[in-house]
Amino acid sequence: MLTLVIGILIIIVIGAILFWVIDRFAPDARLAQLLKLLVVLICLGAIINRLLPLIGYPSVL
């Protein structure tokens, strides 16, 4: 259970770092919004992938 929480926290930290990089280096606001949406979706997918075995479904990867 502790490894699950640590893994989810690592995913959240990586997502926050990517948000900062996008804010810092994306020249267009519209592009930045799309990239942030992509980061959120990928992070949510990774978190759900870690939670699936906990609720009884096999992991996707």
PDB file of N, CA and C in Angstrom:
ATOM      1  N   MET A   1       0.822  -1.195   0.000  1.00  0.00           N
ATOM      2  CA  MET A   1       0.000   0.000   0.000  1.00  0.00           C
ATOM      3  C   MET A   1       0.867   1.260   0.000  1.00  0.00           C
ATOM      4  N   LEU A   2       1.981   1.196   0.721  1.00  0.00           N
ATOM      5  CA  LEU A   2       2.878   2.353   0.771  1.00  0.00           C
ATOM      6  C   LEU A   2       3.503   2.615  -0.598  1.00  0.00           C
ATOM      7  N   THR A   3       3.841   1.546  -1.322  1.00  0.00           N
ATOM      8  CA  THR A   3       4.410   1.739  -2.663  1.00  0.00           C
ATOM      9  C   THR A   3       3.382   2.349  -3.618  1.00  0.00           C
ATOM     10  N   LEU A   4       2.107   2.003  -3.425  1.00  0.00           N
ATOM     11  CA  LEU A   4       1.052   2.594  -4.250  1.00  0.00           C
ATOM     12  C   LEU A   4       0.982   4.098  -4.018  1.00  0.00           C
ATOM     13  N   VAL A   5       0.995   4.513  -2.766  1.00  0.00           N
ATOM     14  CA  VAL A   5       0.921   5.940  -2.425  1.00  0.00           C
ATOM     15  C   VAL A   5       2.163   6.672  -2.927  1.00  0.00           C
ATOM     16  N   ILE A   6       3.333   6.066  -2.759  1.00  0.00           N
ATOM     17  CA  ILE A   6       4.564   6.695  -3.238  1.00  0.00           C
ATOM     18  C   ILE A   6       4.547   6.816  -4.761  1.00  0.00           C
ATOM     19  N   GLY A   7       4.077   5.795  -5.445  1.00  0.00           N
ATOM     20  CA  GLY A   7       3.987   5.846  -6.907  1.00  0.00           C
ATOM     21  C   GLY A   7       3.047   6.932  -7.387  1.00  0.00           C
ATOM     22  N   ILE A   8       1.905   7.073  -6.723  1.00  0.00           N
ATOM     23  CA  ILE A   8       0.949   8.115  -7.100  1.00  0.00           C
ATOM     24  C   ILE A   8       1.527   9.499  -6.826  1.00  0.00           C
ATOM     25  N   LEU A   9       2.230   9.650  -5.710  1.00  0.00           N
ATOM     26  CA  LEU A   9       2.861  10.943  -5.417  1.00  0.00           C
ATOM     27  C   LEU A   9       3.946  11.284  -6.441  1.00  0.00           C
ATOM     28  N   ILE A  10       4.684  10.286  -6.891  1.00  0.00           N
ATOM     29  CA  ILE A  10       5.695  10.525  -7.922  1.00  0.00           C
ATOM     30  C   ILE A  10       5.040  10.983  -9.214  1.00  0.00           C
ATOM     31  N   ILE A  11       3.933  10.368  -9.588  1.00  0.00           N
ATOM     32  CA  ILE A  11       3.212  10.776 -10.799  1.00  0.00           C
ATOM     33  C   ILE A  11       2.727  12.221 -10.663  1.00  0.00           C
ATOM     34  N   ILE A  12       2.223  12.588  -9.499  1.00  0.00           N
ATOM     35  CA  ILE A  12       1.731  13.949  -9.287  1.00  0.00           C
ATOM     36  C   ILE A  12       2.883  14.957  -9.354  1.00  0.00           C
ATOM     37  N   VAL A  13       4.026  14.615  -8.773  1.00  0.00           N
ATOM     38  CA  VAL A  13       5.180  15.518  -8.809  1.00  0.00           C
ATOM     39  C   VAL A  13       5.681  15.695 -10.238  1.00  0.00           C
ATOM     40  N   ILE A  14       5.744  14.614 -10.992  1.00  0.00           N
ATOM     41  CA  ILE A  14       6.172  14.717 -12.393  1.00  0.00           C
ATOM     42  C   ILE A  14       5.188  15.569 -13.191  1.00  0.00           C
ATOM     43  N   GLY A  15       3.900  15.404 -12.938  1.00  0.00           N
ATOM     44  CA  GLY A  15       2.896  16.237 -13.595  1.00  0.00           C
ATOM     45  C   GLY A  15       3.054  17.712 -13.256  1.00  0.00           C
ATOM     46  N   ALA A  16       3.359  18.010 -11.991  1.00  0.00           N
ATOM     47  CA  ALA A  16       3.559  19.402 -11.584  1.00  0.00           C
ATOM     48  C   ALA A  16       4.798  19.993 -12.247  1.00  0.00           C
ATOM     49  N   ILE A  17       5.849  19.200 -12.360  1.00  0.00           N
ATOM     50  CA  ILE A  17       7.064  19.677 -13.045  1.00  0.00           C
ATOM     51  C   ILE A  17       6.768  19.946 -14.515  1.00  0.00           C
ATOM     52  N   LEU A  18       6.005  19.067 -15.143  1.00  0.00           N
ATOM     53  CA  LEU A  18       5.644  19.286 -16.549  1.00  0.00           C
ATOM     54  C   LEU A  18       4.774  20.526 -16.713  1.00  0.00           C
ATOM     55  N   PHE A  19       3.868  20.776 -15.759  1.00  0.00           N
ATOM     56  CA  PHE A  19       3.065  22.006 -15.801  1.00  0.00           C
ATOM     57  C   PHE A  19       3.968  23.233 -15.764  1.00  0.00           C
ATOM     58  N   TRP A  20       4.974  23.211 -14.889  1.00  0.00           N
ATOM     59  CA  TRP A  20       5.901  24.344 -14.794  1.00  0.00           C
ATOM     60  C   TRP A  20       6.670  24.527 -16.097  1.00  0.00           C
ATOM     61  N   VAL A  21       7.128  23.428 -16.682  1.00  0.00           N
ATOM     62  CA  VAL A  21       7.876  23.511 -17.943  1.00  0.00           C
ATOM     63  C   VAL A  21       6.988  24.068 -19.047  1.00  0.00           C
ATOM     64  N   ILE A  22       5.735  23.636 -19.092  1.00  0.00           N
ATOM     65  CA  ILE A  22       4.815  24.142 -20.112  1.00  0.00           C
ATOM     66  C   ILE A  22       4.576  25.634 -19.908  1.00  0.00           C
ATOM     67  N   ASP A  23       4.343  26.052 -18.670  1.00  0.00           N
ATOM     68  CA  ASP A  23       4.146  27.480 -18.403  1.00  0.00           C
ATOM     69  C   ASP A  23       5.367  28.297 -18.789  1.00  0.00           C
ATOM     70  N   ARG A  24       6.527  27.742 -18.565  1.00  0.00           N
ATOM     71  CA  ARG A  24       7.778  28.465 -18.805  1.00  0.00           C
ATOM     72  C   ARG A  24       8.116  28.577 -20.288  1.00  0.00           C
ATOM     73  N   PHE A  25       7.894  27.509 -21.059  1.00  0.00           N
ATOM     74  CA  PHE A  25       8.435  27.465 -22.415  1.00  0.00           C
ATOM     75  C   PHE A  25       7.405  27.426 -23.544  1.00  0.00           C
ATOM     76  N   ALA A  26       6.126  27.304 -23.247  1.00  0.00           N
ATOM     77  CA  ALA A  26       5.132  27.286 -24.322  1.00  0.00           C
ATOM     78  C   ALA A  26       4.865  28.726 -24.779  1.00  0.00           C
ATOM     79  N   PRO A  27       5.092  29.017 -26.055  1.00  0.00           N
ATOM     80  CA  PRO A  27       4.952  30.396 -26.522  1.00  0.00           C
ATOM     81  C   PRO A  27       3.499  30.850 -26.683  1.00  0.00           C
ATOM     82  N   ASP A  28       2.595  29.925 -26.941  1.00  0.00           N
ATOM     83  CA  ASP A  28       1.208  30.272 -27.221  1.00  0.00           C
ATOM     84  C   ASP A  28       0.324  29.768 -26.084  1.00  0.00           C
ATOM     85  N   ALA A  29      -0.624  30.567 -25.651  1.00  0.00           N
ATOM     86  CA  ALA A  29      -1.493  30.190 -24.536  1.00  0.00           C
ATOM     87  C   ALA A  29      -2.389  29.009 -24.904  1.00  0.00           C
ATOM     88  N   ARG A  30      -2.825  28.981 -26.144  1.00  0.00           N
ATOM     89  CA  ARG A  30      -3.694  27.878 -26.575  1.00  0.00           C
ATOM     90  C   ARG A  30      -2.934  26.558 -26.605  1.00  0.00           C
ATOM     91  N   LEU A  31      -1.708  26.602 -27.096  1.00  0.00           N
ATOM     92  CA  LEU A  31      -0.861  25.416 -27.097  1.00  0.00           C
ATOM     93  C   LEU A  31      -0.574  24.963 -25.674  1.00  0.00           C
ATOM     94  N   ALA A  32      -0.339  25.904 -24.776  1.00  0.00           N
ATOM     95  CA  ALA A  32      -0.068  25.567 -23.382  1.00  0.00           C
ATOM     96  C   ALA A  32      -1.272  24.866 -22.750  1.00  0.00           C
ATOM     97  N   GLN A  33      -2.473  25.351 -23.041  1.00  0.00           N
ATOM     98  CA  GLN A  33      -3.669  24.710 -22.497  1.00  0.00           C
ATOM     99  C   GLN A  33      -3.827  23.286 -23.010  1.00  0.00           C
ATOM    100  N   LEU A  34      -3.570  23.079 -24.286  1.00  0.00           N
ATOM    101  CA  LEU A  34      -3.676  21.731 -24.849  1.00  0.00           C
ATOM    102  C   LEU A  34      -2.623  20.795 -24.260  1.00  0.00           C
ATOM    103  N   LEU A  35      -1.407  21.293 -24.082  1.00  0.00           N
ATOM    104  CA  LEU A  35      -0.356  20.473 -23.492  1.00  0.00           C
ATOM    105  C   LEU A  35      -0.669  20.141 -22.041  1.00  0.00           C
ATOM    106  N   LYS A  36      -1.213  21.094 -21.300  1.00  0.00           N
ATOM    107  CA  LYS A  36      -1.591  20.834 -19.913  1.00  0.00           C
ATOM    108  C   LYS A  36      -2.703  19.796 -19.832  1.00  0.00           C
ATOM    109  N   LEU A  37      -3.660  19.878 -20.741  1.00  0.00           N
ATOM    110  CA  LEU A  37      -4.726  18.884 -20.785  1.00  0.00           C
ATOM    111  C   LEU A  37      -4.160  17.495 -21.067  1.00  0.00           C
ATOM    112  N   LEU A  38      -3.206  17.417 -21.974  1.00  0.00           N
ATOM    113  CA  LEU A  38      -2.555  16.147 -22.287  1.00  0.00           C
ATOM    114  C   LEU A  38      -1.824  15.594 -21.062  1.00  0.00           C
ATOM    115  N   VAL A  39      -1.126  16.446 -20.336  1.00  0.00           N
ATOM    116  CA  VAL A  39      -0.416  16.017 -19.126  1.00  0.00           C
ATOM    117  C   VAL A  39      -1.403  15.501 -18.092  1.00  0.00           C
ATOM    118  N   VAL A  40      -2.519  16.198 -17.900  1.00  0.00           N
ATOM    119  CA  VAL A  40      -3.522  15.764 -16.928  1.00  0.00           C
ATOM    120  C   VAL A  40      -4.086  14.405 -17.313  1.00  0.00           C
ATOM    121  N   LEU A  41      -4.403  14.210 -18.579  1.00  0.00           N
ATOM    122  CA  LEU A  41      -4.971  12.934 -19.016  1.00  0.00           C
ATOM    123  C   LEU A  41      -3.977  11.793 -18.855  1.00  0.00           C
ATOM    124  N   ILE A  42      -2.721  12.032 -19.181  1.00  0.00           N
ATOM    125  CA  ILE A  42      -1.702  10.991 -19.035  1.00  0.00           C
ATOM    126  C   ILE A  42      -1.486  10.657 -17.560  1.00  0.00           C
ATOM    127  N   CYS A  43      -1.442  11.676 -16.704  1.00  0.00           N
ATOM    128  CA  CYS A  43      -1.266  11.429 -15.269  1.00  0.00           C
ATOM    129  C   CYS A  43      -2.464  10.681 -14.684  1.00  0.00           C
ATOM    130  N   LEU A  44      -3.661  11.060 -15.071  1.00  0.00           N
ATOM    131  CA  LEU A  44      -4.840  10.343 -14.598  1.00  0.00           C
ATOM    132  C   LEU A  44      -4.840   8.893 -15.068  1.00  0.00           C
ATOM    133  N   GLY A  45      -4.438   8.675 -16.303  1.00  0.00           N
ATOM    134  CA  GLY A  45      -4.343   7.309 -16.812  1.00  0.00           C
ATOM    135  C   GLY A  45      -3.328   6.489 -16.049  1.00  0.00           C
ATOM    136  N   ALA A  46      -2.199   7.090 -15.715  1.00  0.00           N
ATOM    137  CA  ALA A  46      -1.172   6.375 -14.959  1.00  0.00           C
ATOM    138  C   ALA A  46      -1.645   6.066 -13.541  1.00  0.00           C
ATOM    139  N   ILE A  47      -2.357   7.002 -12.926  1.00  0.00           N
ATOM    140  CA  ILE A  47      -2.874   6.763 -11.576  1.00  0.00           C
ATOM    141  C   ILE A  47      -3.939   5.674 -11.594  1.00  0.00           C
ATOM    142  N   ILE A  48      -4.832   5.726 -12.560  1.00  0.00           N
ATOM    143  CA  ILE A  48      -5.875   4.699 -12.671  1.00  0.00           C
ATOM    144  C   ILE A  48      -5.248   3.339 -12.935  1.00  0.00           C
ATOM    145  N   ASN A  49      -4.193   3.314 -13.754  1.00  0.00           N
ATOM    146  CA  ASN A  49      -3.502   2.059 -14.043  1.00  0.00           C
ATOM    147  C   ASN A  49      -2.897   1.469 -12.771  1.00  0.00           C
ATOM    148  N   ARG A  50      -2.440   2.301 -11.855  1.00  0.00           N
ATOM    149  CA  ARG A  50      -1.898   1.811 -10.582  1.00  0.00           C
ATOM    150  C   ARG A  50      -3.001   1.368  -9.623  1.00  0.00           C
ATOM    151  N   LEU A  51      -4.185   1.961  -9.732  1.00  0.00           N
ATOM    152  CA  LEU A  51      -5.282   1.630  -8.830  1.00  0.00           C
ATOM    153  C   LEU A  51      -6.100   0.424  -9.281  1.00  0.00           C
ATOM    154  N   LEU A  52      -6.037   0.037 -10.551  1.00  0.00           N
ATOM    155  CA  LEU A  52      -6.846  -1.062 -11.060  1.00  0.00           C
ATOM    156  C   LEU A  52      -6.633  -2.379 -10.322  1.00  0.00           C
ATOM    157  N   PRO A  53      -5.392  -2.812 -10.056  1.00  0.00           N
ATOM    158  CA  PRO A  53      -5.245  -4.082  -9.326  1.00  0.00           C
ATOM    159  C   PRO A  53      -5.827  -4.035  -7.916  1.00  0.00           C
ATOM    160  N   LEU A  54      -5.901  -2.863  -7.333  1.00  0.00           N
ATOM    161  CA  LEU A  54      -6.446  -2.712  -5.990  1.00  0.00           C
ATOM    162  C   LEU A  54      -7.940  -3.016  -5.960  1.00  0.00           C
ATOM    163  N   ILE A  55      -8.642  -2.684  -7.049  1.00  0.00           N
ATOM    164  CA  ILE A  55     -10.089  -2.934  -7.089  1.00  0.00           C
ATOM    165  C   ILE A  55     -10.446  -4.221  -7.805  1.00  0.00           C
ATOM    166  N   GLY A  56      -9.451  -4.994  -8.228  1.00  0.00           N
ATOM    167  CA  GLY A  56      -9.755  -6.327  -8.755  1.00  0.00           C
ATOM    168  C   GLY A  56      -9.585  -6.514 -10.252  1.00  0.00           C
ATOM    169  N   TYR A  57      -9.258  -5.483 -10.980  1.00  0.00           N
ATOM    170  CA  TYR A  57      -9.035  -5.614 -12.411  1.00  0.00           C
ATOM    171  C   TYR A  57      -7.554  -5.750 -12.686  1.00  0.00           C
ATOM    172  N   PRO A  58      -7.189  -6.515 -13.717  1.00  0.00           N
ATOM    173  CA  PRO A  58      -5.758  -6.608 -14.041  1.00  0.00           C
ATOM    174  C   PRO A  58      -5.238  -5.297 -14.610  1.00  0.00           C
ATOM    175  N   SER A  59      -3.976  -5.045 -14.405  1.00  0.00           N
ATOM    176  CA  SER A  59      -3.349  -3.823 -14.895  1.00  0.00           C
ATOM    177  C   SER A  59      -3.283  -3.852 -16.417  1.00  0.00           C
ATOM    178  N   VAL A  60      -3.388  -2.689 -17.035  1.00  0.00           N
ATOM    179  CA  VAL A  60      -3.354  -2.592 -18.490  1.00  0.00           C
ATOM    180  C   VAL A  60      -1.958  -2.858 -19.020  1.00  0.00           C
ATOM    181  N   LEU A  61      -0.957  -2.318 -18.343  1.00  0.00           N
ATOM    182  CA  LEU A  61       0.426  -2.508 -18.799  1.00  0.00           C
ATOM    183  C   LEU A  61       1.157  -3.503 -17.947  1.00  0.00           C
TER     184      LEU A  61
END
